[in-house]
Amino acid sequence: MLTPSPTGVKRKVHHSGPTRRPREREHLTPKEVERVIDAAHKGRWGLRDATLLLMLFSHGLRLAEALRLGWKHINLDQGVLHLRRLKNGLDGDHRLRGVEIRALRRMRRLNPHPAGDYVFTSERGSPLGSRTVQLMLDRAAERAGLKHLNIHPHSLPALLAATTWPSAAPTSASSSPTSDIVK
């Protein structure tokens, strides 16, 4: 039995629609990852954005893991990334590729507002937020012509599990498909 509303008027509640945009699939191909990274490099904070996406993809990082990365976790001289995983993941060391080392060195050198020990910071010097990264990824996907895929940050590590595209082992800059990040 329906109880009457206080005003005595029955109202129909309308759904505003899905809160999540539909996705065709949950992962990207290696070519699509390259296109998104190249498009991110063309944005306002291209070096930071492209490096963040490269690190997410190459090391299978969750977004929160990447945003919590500090310079103390990175040894650029030895090319090692010391990872502290979330959600019961196994902590460990990853080898950085040449393109990642060059991009991270350039980021460290050019960052006018270091936010303490954080690697990925905003233009005001505070650590990046997940919403900021999603907006950046939306803009990069649109520039890359991939807006229809509704890319999210977890699309990048999902591909790493399904492919052997570039391993996280050192490679020469000429053999890396993303060697132009440090332009």
N, C-alpha and C. Protein backbone atom coordinates (compact mmCIF):
# COMPACT_ATOMS: atom_id res chain seq x y z
N MET A 1 0.83 -1.18 0.00
CA MET A 1 0.00 0.00 0.00
C MET A 1 0.88 1.24 0.00
N LEU A 2 0.55 2.17 -0.87
CA LEU A 2 1.29 3.41 -0.93
C LEU A 2 0.75 4.39 0.09
N THR A 3 1.68 5.02 0.78
CA THR A 3 1.24 6.07 1.72
C THR A 3 1.26 7.39 0.97
N PRO A 4 0.28 8.22 1.22
CA PRO A 4 0.24 9.51 0.50
C PRO A 4 1.38 10.42 0.97
N SER A 5 1.81 11.29 0.07
CA SER A 5 2.85 12.26 0.42
C SER A 5 2.24 13.30 1.33
N PRO A 6 3.06 14.06 2.05
CA PRO A 6 2.53 15.08 2.98
C PRO A 6 1.64 16.10 2.29
N THR A 7 1.90 16.38 1.02
CA THR A 7 1.09 17.36 0.32
C THR A 7 -0.10 16.72 -0.38
N GLY A 8 -0.14 15.40 -0.37
CA GLY A 8 -1.24 14.70 -1.02
C GLY A 8 -1.04 14.50 -2.50
N VAL A 9 0.09 14.94 -3.04
CA VAL A 9 0.35 14.83 -4.47
C VAL A 9 1.35 13.69 -4.70
N LYS A 10 0.99 12.80 -5.62
CA LYS A 10 1.91 11.74 -5.97
C LYS A 10 2.89 12.25 -7.01
N ARG A 11 4.16 11.99 -6.78
CA ARG A 11 5.18 12.46 -7.72
C ARG A 11 5.97 11.27 -8.23
N LYS A 12 6.33 11.37 -9.47
CA LYS A 12 7.16 10.34 -10.05
C LYS A 12 8.62 10.82 -10.01
N VAL A 13 9.48 9.98 -9.47
CA VAL A 13 10.89 10.33 -9.40
C VAL A 13 11.56 9.90 -10.70
N HIS A 14 12.22 10.84 -11.34
CA HIS A 14 12.89 10.56 -12.61
C HIS A 14 14.34 10.22 -12.35
N HIS A 15 14.81 9.22 -13.07
CA HIS A 15 16.22 8.88 -13.03
C HIS A 15 16.98 9.86 -13.89
N SER A 16 18.11 10.32 -13.42
CA SER A 16 18.90 11.27 -14.21
C SER A 16 19.76 10.55 -15.23
N GLY A 17 19.74 9.23 -15.24
CA GLY A 17 20.54 8.47 -16.20
C GLY A 17 21.68 7.79 -15.49
N PRO A 18 22.46 7.06 -16.24
CA PRO A 18 23.58 6.34 -15.61
C PRO A 18 24.63 7.32 -15.10
N THR A 19 25.21 7.00 -13.96
CA THR A 19 26.25 7.86 -13.41
C THR A 19 27.60 7.56 -14.06
N ARG A 20 27.68 6.44 -14.72
CA ARG A 20 28.91 6.04 -15.37
C ARG A 20 28.68 5.92 -16.87
N ARG A 21 29.58 6.52 -17.64
CA ARG A 21 29.45 6.43 -19.09
C ARG A 21 29.77 5.00 -19.53
N PRO A 22 29.03 4.47 -20.47
CA PRO A 22 29.30 3.09 -20.91
C PRO A 22 30.63 3.00 -21.63
N ARG A 23 31.28 1.85 -21.49
CA ARG A 23 32.55 1.60 -22.15
C ARG A 23 32.39 0.44 -23.12
N GLU A 24 33.08 0.55 -24.25
CA GLU A 24 33.07 -0.55 -25.22
C GLU A 24 33.86 -1.73 -24.67
N ARG A 25 34.98 -1.43 -23.99
CA ARG A 25 35.83 -2.47 -23.40
C ARG A 25 36.64 -1.86 -22.27
N GLU A 26 37.26 -2.69 -21.46
CA GLU A 26 37.94 -2.23 -20.25
C GLU A 26 39.44 -2.06 -20.42
N HIS A 27 39.99 -2.31 -21.60
CA HIS A 27 41.42 -2.17 -21.78
C HIS A 27 41.72 -1.50 -23.12
N LEU A 28 42.96 -1.08 -23.28
CA LEU A 28 43.41 -0.44 -24.51
C LEU A 28 44.43 -1.32 -25.21
N THR A 29 44.54 -1.14 -26.51
CA THR A 29 45.59 -1.83 -27.25
C THR A 29 46.89 -1.04 -27.08
N PRO A 30 48.04 -1.64 -27.36
CA PRO A 30 49.30 -0.90 -27.25
C PRO A 30 49.33 0.35 -28.13
N LYS A 31 48.78 0.28 -29.32
CA LYS A 31 48.74 1.45 -30.21
C LYS A 31 47.89 2.57 -29.61
N GLU A 32 46.78 2.20 -28.98
CA GLU A 32 45.91 3.20 -28.34
C GLU A 32 46.62 3.85 -27.16
N VAL A 33 47.37 3.06 -26.40
CA VAL A 33 48.13 3.62 -25.28
C VAL A 33 49.14 4.63 -25.80
N GLU A 34 49.84 4.29 -26.87
CA GLU A 34 50.80 5.22 -27.47
C GLU A 34 50.11 6.50 -27.91
N ARG A 35 48.95 6.39 -28.54
CA ARG A 35 48.22 7.57 -29.00
C ARG A 35 47.81 8.46 -27.84
N VAL A 36 47.35 7.85 -26.74
CA VAL A 36 46.93 8.64 -25.58
C VAL A 36 48.13 9.32 -24.94
N ILE A 37 49.24 8.61 -24.82
CA ILE A 37 50.44 9.21 -24.23
C ILE A 37 50.94 10.36 -25.10
N ASP A 38 50.97 10.17 -26.42
CA ASP A 38 51.39 11.24 -27.32
C ASP A 38 50.45 12.45 -27.22
N ALA A 39 49.16 12.20 -27.12
CA ALA A 39 48.19 13.28 -26.99
C ALA A 39 48.34 13.99 -25.66
N ALA A 40 48.63 13.26 -24.61
CA ALA A 40 48.84 13.88 -23.29
C ALA A 40 50.07 14.77 -23.32
N HIS A 41 51.06 14.38 -24.09
CA HIS A 41 52.29 15.17 -24.19
C HIS A 41 52.03 16.53 -24.83
N LYS A 42 50.97 16.64 -25.62
CA LYS A 42 50.65 17.89 -26.31
C LYS A 42 49.83 18.85 -25.45
N GLY A 43 49.46 18.44 -24.25
CA GLY A 43 48.67 19.27 -23.37
C GLY A 43 49.50 20.31 -22.64
N ARG A 44 48.85 21.07 -21.78
CA ARG A 44 49.51 22.16 -21.05
C ARG A 44 50.65 21.67 -20.17
N TRP A 45 50.46 20.57 -19.48
CA TRP A 45 51.48 19.98 -18.63
C TRP A 45 51.91 18.65 -19.23
N GLY A 46 52.33 18.71 -20.50
CA GLY A 46 52.59 17.53 -21.29
C GLY A 46 53.60 16.57 -20.70
N LEU A 47 54.72 17.06 -20.22
CA LEU A 47 55.74 16.17 -19.69
C LEU A 47 55.22 15.41 -18.48
N ARG A 48 54.60 16.12 -17.56
CA ARG A 48 54.06 15.48 -16.36
C ARG A 48 52.98 14.46 -16.71
N ASP A 49 52.04 14.86 -17.57
CA ASP A 49 50.92 14.00 -17.92
C ASP A 49 51.36 12.75 -18.68
N ALA A 50 52.25 12.94 -19.67
CA ALA A 50 52.73 11.80 -20.44
C ALA A 50 53.55 10.85 -19.57
N THR A 51 54.35 11.41 -18.67
CA THR A 51 55.16 10.57 -17.78
C THR A 51 54.27 9.80 -16.82
N LEU A 52 53.24 10.43 -16.30
CA LEU A 52 52.31 9.75 -15.41
C LEU A 52 51.65 8.57 -16.12
N LEU A 53 51.16 8.80 -17.34
CA LEU A 53 50.51 7.73 -18.08
C LEU A 53 51.49 6.61 -18.42
N LEU A 54 52.71 6.99 -18.78
CA LEU A 54 53.73 5.99 -19.08
C LEU A 54 54.03 5.14 -17.84
N MET A 55 54.13 5.76 -16.67
CA MET A 55 54.41 5.02 -15.45
C MET A 55 53.23 4.12 -15.08
N LEU A 56 52.02 4.63 -15.23
CA LEU A 56 50.83 3.80 -14.96
C LEU A 56 50.86 2.55 -15.82
N PHE A 57 51.15 2.74 -17.10
CA PHE A 57 51.13 1.61 -18.02
C PHE A 57 52.31 0.68 -17.84
N SER A 58 53.51 1.24 -17.84
CA SER A 58 54.71 0.41 -17.84
C SER A 58 54.86 -0.44 -16.59
N HIS A 59 54.39 0.07 -15.46
CA HIS A 59 54.59 -0.64 -14.20
C HIS A 59 53.30 -1.19 -13.62
N GLY A 60 52.20 -1.05 -14.35
CA GLY A 60 50.93 -1.59 -13.88
C GLY A 60 50.47 -0.96 -12.58
N LEU A 61 50.73 0.34 -12.42
CA LEU A 61 50.38 1.02 -11.18
C LEU A 61 48.90 1.33 -11.10
N ARG A 62 48.34 1.23 -9.93
CA ARG A 62 47.02 1.79 -9.67
C ARG A 62 47.21 3.30 -9.60
N LEU A 63 46.15 4.04 -9.85
CA LEU A 63 46.24 5.49 -9.84
C LEU A 63 46.72 5.99 -8.48
N ALA A 64 46.18 5.47 -7.40
CA ALA A 64 46.58 5.91 -6.06
C ALA A 64 48.05 5.62 -5.81
N GLU A 65 48.55 4.51 -6.33
CA GLU A 65 49.97 4.18 -6.16
C GLU A 65 50.84 5.20 -6.88
N ALA A 66 50.45 5.58 -8.09
CA ALA A 66 51.22 6.55 -8.86
C ALA A 66 51.18 7.93 -8.20
N LEU A 67 50.01 8.33 -7.71
CA LEU A 67 49.89 9.65 -7.11
C LEU A 67 50.62 9.74 -5.77
N ARG A 68 50.83 8.61 -5.12
CA ARG A 68 51.58 8.59 -3.85
C ARG A 68 53.08 8.43 -4.05
N LEU A 69 53.51 8.26 -5.30
CA LEU A 69 54.94 8.09 -5.56
C LEU A 69 55.71 9.32 -5.10
N GLY A 70 56.78 9.07 -4.39
CA GLY A 70 57.66 10.15 -3.96
C GLY A 70 59.02 9.98 -4.59
N TRP A 71 59.79 11.06 -4.59
CA TRP A 71 61.13 10.98 -5.14
C TRP A 71 62.00 10.01 -4.35
N LYS A 72 61.64 9.77 -3.10
CA LYS A 72 62.40 8.80 -2.29
C LYS A 72 62.20 7.37 -2.77
N HIS A 73 61.16 7.13 -3.58
CA HIS A 73 60.89 5.80 -4.12
C HIS A 73 61.62 5.54 -5.43
N ILE A 74 62.30 6.57 -5.95
CA ILE A 74 62.91 6.46 -7.27
C ILE A 74 64.42 6.71 -7.16
N ASN A 75 65.19 5.77 -7.67
CA ASN A 75 66.64 5.92 -7.74
C ASN A 75 66.98 6.05 -9.22
N LEU A 76 67.15 7.29 -9.68
CA LEU A 76 67.38 7.53 -11.10
C LEU A 76 68.77 7.09 -11.54
N ASP A 77 69.74 7.14 -10.64
CA ASP A 77 71.10 6.73 -11.00
C ASP A 77 71.18 5.24 -11.29
N GLN A 78 70.45 4.45 -10.54
CA GLN A 78 70.47 3.00 -10.75
C GLN A 78 69.27 2.53 -11.57
N GLY A 79 68.33 3.42 -11.87
CA GLY A 79 67.17 3.07 -12.68
C GLY A 79 66.23 2.11 -11.99
N VAL A 80 65.93 2.39 -10.71
CA VAL A 80 65.08 1.50 -9.93
C VAL A 80 63.92 2.29 -9.33
N LEU A 81 62.74 1.70 -9.40
CA LEU A 81 61.53 2.24 -8.79
C LEU A 81 61.15 1.30 -7.65
N HIS A 82 61.14 1.82 -6.42
CA HIS A 82 60.75 1.02 -5.26
C HIS A 82 59.25 1.22 -5.06
N LEU A 83 58.47 0.19 -5.32
CA LEU A 83 57.01 0.30 -5.27
C LEU A 83 56.45 -0.17 -3.94
N ARG A 84 55.51 0.59 -3.43
CA ARG A 84 54.72 0.19 -2.27
C ARG A 84 53.32 -0.01 -2.78
N ARG A 85 52.91 -1.25 -2.94
CA ARG A 85 51.62 -1.57 -3.52
C ARG A 85 50.48 -1.41 -2.52
N LEU A 86 49.30 -1.14 -3.07
CA LEU A 86 48.08 -1.07 -2.29
C LEU A 86 47.27 -2.33 -2.50
N LYS A 87 46.22 -2.51 -1.75
CA LYS A 87 45.27 -3.62 -1.89
C LYS A 87 45.95 -4.98 -1.90
N ASN A 88 46.77 -5.23 -0.92
CA ASN A 88 47.45 -6.51 -0.74
C ASN A 88 48.38 -6.88 -1.89
N GLY A 89 48.84 -5.89 -2.65
CA GLY A 89 49.81 -6.17 -3.69
C GLY A 89 51.19 -6.38 -3.07
N LEU A 90 52.07 -6.97 -3.84
CA LEU A 90 53.41 -7.22 -3.34
C LEU A 90 54.33 -6.05 -3.63
N ASP A 91 54.94 -5.50 -2.58
CA ASP A 91 55.92 -4.43 -2.76
C ASP A 91 57.11 -5.01 -3.50
N GLY A 92 57.83 -4.17 -4.21
CA GLY A 92 59.01 -4.66 -4.90
C GLY A 92 59.69 -3.57 -5.68
N ASP A 93 60.77 -3.92 -6.32
CA ASP A 93 61.55 -3.00 -7.13
C ASP A 93 61.29 -3.29 -8.61
N HIS A 94 61.11 -2.21 -9.37
CA HIS A 94 60.94 -2.31 -10.82
C HIS A 94 62.10 -1.58 -11.47
N ARG A 95 62.54 -2.09 -12.59
CA ARG A 95 63.57 -1.41 -13.36
C ARG A 95 62.92 -0.33 -14.20
N LEU A 96 63.53 0.83 -14.24
CA LEU A 96 63.05 1.93 -15.07
C LEU A 96 63.74 1.86 -16.43
N ARG A 97 62.98 2.11 -17.48
CA ARG A 97 63.54 2.16 -18.83
C ARG A 97 64.18 3.53 -19.05
N GLY A 98 65.00 3.62 -20.05
CA GLY A 98 65.70 4.87 -20.36
C GLY A 98 64.76 6.05 -20.57
N VAL A 99 63.67 5.82 -21.29
CA VAL A 99 62.73 6.91 -21.56
C VAL A 99 62.09 7.39 -20.25
N GLU A 100 61.82 6.49 -19.33
CA GLU A 100 61.24 6.87 -18.04
C GLU A 100 62.24 7.65 -17.19
N ILE A 101 63.49 7.21 -17.19
CA ILE A 101 64.53 7.90 -16.42
C ILE A 101 64.71 9.32 -16.94
N ARG A 102 64.80 9.48 -18.26
CA ARG A 102 64.97 10.82 -18.84
C ARG A 102 63.78 11.72 -18.53
N ALA A 103 62.57 11.17 -18.65
CA ALA A 103 61.38 11.98 -18.38
C ALA A 103 61.32 12.38 -16.90
N LEU A 104 61.63 11.46 -16.00
CA LEU A 104 61.60 11.78 -14.57
C LEU A 104 62.69 12.79 -14.20
N ARG A 105 63.87 12.66 -14.78
CA ARG A 105 64.93 13.65 -14.51
C ARG A 105 64.51 15.04 -14.99
N ARG A 106 63.91 15.08 -16.15
CA ARG A 106 63.46 16.38 -16.68
C ARG A 106 62.34 16.96 -15.82
N MET A 107 61.42 16.11 -15.37
CA MET A 107 60.35 16.59 -14.48
C MET A 107 60.93 17.17 -13.19
N ARG A 108 61.88 16.47 -12.62
CA ARG A 108 62.49 16.93 -11.37
C ARG A 108 63.19 18.27 -11.57
N ARG A 109 63.85 18.42 -12.70
CA ARG A 109 64.59 19.64 -13.00
C ARG A 109 63.66 20.83 -13.27
N LEU A 110 62.54 20.58 -13.95
CA LEU A 110 61.67 21.66 -14.39
C LEU A 110 60.54 22.01 -13.43
N ASN A 111 60.33 21.21 -12.38
CA ASN A 111 59.20 21.45 -11.48
C ASN A 111 59.48 22.65 -10.57
N PRO A 112 58.78 23.78 -10.80
CA PRO A 112 59.01 24.97 -9.98
C PRO A 112 58.36 24.90 -8.61
N HIS A 113 57.42 23.98 -8.42
CA HIS A 113 56.68 23.88 -7.16
C HIS A 113 56.71 22.46 -6.64
N PRO A 114 57.83 21.99 -6.14
CA PRO A 114 57.80 20.62 -5.63
C PRO A 114 56.90 20.52 -4.41
N ALA A 115 56.02 19.53 -4.41
CA ALA A 115 55.09 19.33 -3.28
C ALA A 115 55.72 18.31 -2.35
N GLY A 116 56.64 18.79 -1.55
CA GLY A 116 57.31 17.86 -0.66
C GLY A 116 58.07 16.84 -1.47
N ASP A 117 57.72 15.61 -1.29
CA ASP A 117 58.45 14.53 -1.93
C ASP A 117 57.67 13.93 -3.10
N TYR A 118 56.51 14.46 -3.45
CA TYR A 118 55.67 13.86 -4.49
C TYR A 118 56.25 14.07 -5.88
N VAL A 119 56.09 13.07 -6.73
CA VAL A 119 56.59 13.14 -8.10
C VAL A 119 55.62 13.91 -8.98
N PHE A 120 54.34 13.60 -8.89
CA PHE A 120 53.34 14.20 -9.77
C PHE A 120 52.55 15.27 -9.00
N THR A 121 52.82 16.53 -9.36
CA THR A 121 52.22 17.65 -8.64
C THR A 121 51.46 18.56 -9.60
N SER A 122 50.58 19.38 -9.01
CA SER A 122 49.81 20.34 -9.80
C SER A 122 50.67 21.58 -10.05
N GLU A 123 50.12 22.51 -10.83
CA GLU A 123 50.86 23.73 -11.11
C GLU A 123 51.01 24.60 -9.86
N ARG A 124 50.19 24.38 -8.86
CA ARG A 124 50.31 25.13 -7.61
C ARG A 124 51.19 24.42 -6.59
N GLY A 125 51.68 23.25 -6.96
CA GLY A 125 52.61 22.56 -6.10
C GLY A 125 52.02 21.50 -5.20
N SER A 126 50.73 21.28 -5.27
CA SER A 126 50.12 20.25 -4.43
C SER A 126 50.09 18.93 -5.18
N PRO A 127 49.99 17.82 -4.46
CA PRO A 127 49.93 16.52 -5.15
C PRO A 127 48.68 16.45 -6.04
N LEU A 128 48.79 15.79 -7.16
CA LEU A 128 47.65 15.63 -8.06
C LEU A 128 46.56 14.79 -7.40
N GLY A 129 45.33 15.08 -7.77
CA GLY A 129 44.20 14.29 -7.29
C GLY A 129 43.71 13.37 -8.40
N SER A 130 42.95 12.36 -8.02
CA SER A 130 42.47 11.40 -9.02
C SER A 130 41.52 12.06 -10.01
N ARG A 131 40.74 13.02 -9.58
CA ARG A 131 39.81 13.72 -10.48
C ARG A 131 40.59 14.52 -11.53
N THR A 132 41.68 15.14 -11.13
CA THR A 132 42.52 15.88 -12.06
C THR A 132 43.07 14.96 -13.13
N VAL A 133 43.50 13.78 -12.73
CA VAL A 133 44.05 12.81 -13.68
C VAL A 133 42.96 12.34 -14.64
N GLN A 134 41.75 12.10 -14.13
CA GLN A 134 40.66 11.66 -15.01
C GLN A 134 40.33 12.74 -16.04
N LEU A 135 40.31 14.00 -15.63
CA LEU A 135 40.04 15.09 -16.57
C LEU A 135 41.15 15.19 -17.62
N MET A 136 42.41 15.03 -17.18
CA MET A 136 43.53 15.06 -18.11
C MET A 136 43.42 13.90 -19.10
N LEU A 137 43.06 12.74 -18.61
CA LEU A 137 42.92 11.56 -19.46
C LEU A 137 41.78 11.74 -20.46
N ASP A 138 40.69 12.37 -20.03
CA ASP A 138 39.57 12.66 -20.95
C ASP A 138 40.02 13.59 -22.08
N ARG A 139 40.78 14.64 -21.72
CA ARG A 139 41.27 15.58 -22.74
C ARG A 139 42.24 14.89 -23.70
N ALA A 140 43.14 14.07 -23.15
CA ALA A 140 44.11 13.36 -24.00
C ALA A 140 43.40 12.37 -24.92
N ALA A 141 42.41 11.67 -24.41
CA ALA A 141 41.65 10.72 -25.22
C ALA A 141 40.93 11.44 -26.36
N GLU A 142 40.39 12.61 -26.07
CA GLU A 142 39.70 13.38 -27.11
C GLU A 142 40.69 13.83 -28.19
N ARG A 143 41.88 14.32 -27.78
CA ARG A 143 42.90 14.72 -28.75
C ARG A 143 43.38 13.53 -29.58
N ALA A 144 43.40 12.34 -28.97
CA ALA A 144 43.86 11.13 -29.66
C ALA A 144 42.76 10.49 -30.51
N GLY A 145 41.56 11.04 -30.45
CA GLY A 145 40.45 10.46 -31.20
C GLY A 145 39.90 9.20 -30.58
N LEU A 146 40.07 9.05 -29.26
CA LEU A 146 39.62 7.84 -28.56
C LEU A 146 38.58 8.14 -27.49
N LYS A 147 37.91 9.28 -27.61
CA LYS A 147 36.93 9.65 -26.59
C LYS A 147 35.82 8.60 -26.47
N HIS A 148 35.49 7.95 -27.57
CA HIS A 148 34.42 6.96 -27.57
C HIS A 148 34.73 5.76 -26.67
N LEU A 149 36.00 5.56 -26.32
CA LEU A 149 36.37 4.42 -25.47
C LEU A 149 36.18 4.71 -23.98
N ASN A 150 35.94 5.99 -23.64
CA ASN A 150 35.73 6.37 -22.24
C ASN A 150 36.84 5.80 -21.35
N ILE A 151 38.04 6.22 -21.64
CA ILE A 151 39.23 5.69 -20.96
C ILE A 151 39.27 6.14 -19.51
N HIS A 152 39.68 5.25 -18.64
CA HIS A 152 39.86 5.58 -17.23
C HIS A 152 41.27 5.12 -16.84
N PRO A 153 41.82 5.63 -15.73
CA PRO A 153 43.20 5.31 -15.36
C PRO A 153 43.49 3.82 -15.22
N HIS A 154 42.49 3.01 -14.89
CA HIS A 154 42.73 1.59 -14.73
C HIS A 154 42.75 0.84 -16.06
N SER A 155 42.45 1.54 -17.17
CA SER A 155 42.56 0.92 -18.49
C SER A 155 44.02 0.62 -18.82
N LEU A 156 44.93 1.42 -18.27
CA LEU A 156 46.34 1.28 -18.62
C LEU A 156 46.97 0.06 -17.95
N PRO A 157 46.86 -0.12 -16.62
CA PRO A 157 47.44 -1.32 -16.03
C PRO A 157 46.75 -2.60 -16.48
N ALA A 158 45.49 -2.54 -16.84
CA ALA A 158 44.77 -3.73 -17.27
C ALA A 158 45.40 -4.31 -18.53
N LEU A 159 45.91 -3.45 -19.39
CA LEU A 159 46.55 -3.92 -20.61
C LEU A 159 47.87 -4.60 -20.29
N LEU A 160 48.60 -4.10 -19.31
CA LEU A 160 49.90 -4.66 -18.98
C LEU A 160 49.78 -6.14 -18.64
N ALA A 161 48.71 -6.51 -17.97
CA ALA A 161 48.52 -7.91 -17.59
C ALA A 161 48.23 -8.79 -18.81
N ALA A 162 47.71 -8.18 -19.88
CA ALA A 162 47.29 -8.96 -21.04
C ALA A 162 48.29 -8.90 -22.20
N THR A 163 49.39 -8.19 -22.03
CA THR A 163 50.32 -8.03 -23.14
C THR A 163 51.76 -8.01 -22.65
N THR A 164 52.67 -8.10 -23.59
CA THR A 164 54.08 -7.98 -23.26
C THR A 164 54.66 -6.76 -23.96
N TRP A 165 53.83 -5.76 -24.25
CA TRP A 165 54.25 -4.60 -25.05
C TRP A 165 55.64 -4.15 -24.66
N PRO A 166 55.89 -3.12 -23.87
CA PRO A 166 57.25 -2.90 -23.44
C PRO A 166 57.38 -3.38 -22.01
N SER A 167 58.30 -4.26 -21.77
CA SER A 167 58.50 -4.71 -20.39
C SER A 167 59.13 -3.59 -19.61
N ALA A 168 59.16 -3.71 -18.31
CA ALA A 168 59.74 -2.68 -17.47
C ALA A 168 61.24 -2.87 -17.35
N ALA A 169 61.86 -3.43 -18.37
CA ALA A 169 63.31 -3.59 -18.40
C ALA A 169 63.91 -2.46 -19.22
N PRO A 170 65.15 -2.07 -18.93
CA PRO A 170 65.76 -0.97 -19.67
C PRO A 170 65.86 -1.28 -21.16
N THR A 171 65.56 -0.28 -21.96
CA THR A 171 65.68 -0.40 -23.40
C THR A 171 66.32 0.87 -23.92
N SER A 172 66.78 0.85 -25.14
CA SER A 172 67.35 2.08 -25.70
C SER A 172 66.22 3.00 -26.11
N ALA A 173 66.51 4.28 -26.19
CA ALA A 173 65.49 5.25 -26.53
C ALA A 173 64.94 5.03 -27.92
N SER A 174 65.78 4.58 -28.84
CA SER A 174 65.30 4.42 -30.21
C SER A 174 64.34 3.25 -30.36
N SER A 175 64.40 2.26 -29.46
CA SER A 175 63.51 1.13 -29.58
C SER A 175 62.20 1.31 -28.83
N SER A 176 62.11 2.38 -28.05
CA SER A 176 60.91 2.60 -27.26
C SER A 176 59.87 3.35 -28.08
N PRO A 177 58.63 2.89 -28.10
CA PRO A 177 57.60 3.59 -28.86
C PRO A 177 57.23 4.93 -28.26
N THR A 178 57.66 5.20 -27.04
CA THR A 178 57.33 6.48 -26.41
C THR A 178 58.59 7.29 -26.13
N SER A 179 59.62 7.12 -26.92
CA SER A 179 60.89 7.79 -26.66
C SER A 179 60.82 9.29 -26.85
N ASP A 180 59.75 9.80 -27.47
CA ASP A 180 59.66 11.24 -27.69
C ASP A 180 59.03 11.99 -26.52
N ILE A 181 58.80 11.34 -25.40
CA ILE A 181 58.19 12.01 -24.25
C ILE A 181 59.10 13.11 -23.73
N VAL A 182 60.39 12.90 -23.79
CA VAL A 182 61.31 13.87 -23.20
C VAL A 182 61.76 14.94 -24.18
N LYS A 183 60.97 15.18 -25.21
CA LYS A 183 61.31 16.22 -26.20
C LYS A 183 61.53 17.54 -25.52
